[in-house]
Structure formats: structure tokens, C-alpha cells
Amino acid sequence: MLRQVTFIAAVITLGACANMGEFASAQTSSTATTAAPAPTTYRQPPAQQLLELERQLSARAQEQGLGAALGSVIDPADGFVVRAGQTYQGAEAVTAGLVAPTGAGPIYWQPDRVFVAQAGDMGLTSGRYVQVMTGAEAVQGRYTAVWRRDSNGDWKLLSESRLADPPRRR
């Protein structure tokens, strides 16, 4: 019985192989006359786009400073950055105003919250930052950034603020 089943399975398989040449030539001739559809470009979801943008900004801040990094993405018409007692509006004011304090080393930040409007045109990132200070304790705190897409679909910074943690008790 097992031999008969094996034999029948082998005959069916060989029969399929014999017809495979006809099938392959039919496929080749039909695809030769029809243009292949263009591949679909993958675009990250908006929340992932904002996380990637934050990562790129942090890297740029290591090379050019925080002011230059934020100035490169600030919304030219409506964007502003808030610091204690001061507001900077526009790329030039942000770049010039956010000069690293004396003794400042690199600044690092990492978003831990990302919110995007259902329409995908506005977003908010929030997280922790650390400003390394030479010869002193690092300044740590939280930041919040509000983002909006421009007419080209690029994310632009509408508002950014940082609030340092209270000093540690000794």
C-alpha cells in the first residue's frame, strides 16, 4: 500500500515537472509585454520620523552646538525656544542665543515620549537631557519639543524648552 501511494505521488510530481516548462514560458512571455510596477517607497510612521530627527539633532549638537542644531530645524515663521527668562525666535536668534555656557561639554538627550496628531502633521517629543560641565556636576533635566510639518512634508520645530532638575541635596 505504501509503495503504491509513493508511486502515485512520484507520477504526479513528474507530471507537474513536465508541464512546468509550458508554465514558465507562459509566465516569461506575459511579463515581457507588461511593465513591472514601480516599487513602493517605504516611509517611516510619523512617530519614528520624529525619533530619527531627534537622534540626528543630538548628533549635530555634538558637532555644531545646541543652538546650531535647533536653528537648523526651527520653523522660520513661528518657531521659538524658551530658556529661563529668555525666548529666542527664528534660526539666527536660536543659533546665537543658545551658545554653550562656559565650561560646558557635550549635551545629550533622548526622547522617552512621542505623540503625533492623528492627521500626522503635528507632534511632540519629550525626554531627558544631560549637559556635561567641565569640573562640575552635569546639568540634567527634561525637555519638550513641539513639531509641525511644513508644506514640503518636513518636520519643523515650533517650540522647545528645557527645565533643569532641582540641585541635589548634599
Foldseek 3Di string as FASTA:
>chain_A
DVVVVVVVVVVVVVVVVVCVVVVVVVVVVVPVVDDDDDDDDDDDQLQVVVQVLLVVLLVVCLVQNNLQSQLVFADQPQAWEDEVPDIAHHSVRSNVVRDDDPQWHGKGWHWPDKDAPPVRFKIKTKTKMWIDGHPDHIWIWMKMWIWGADPVRDIGTRYMYTDTDPDDDD
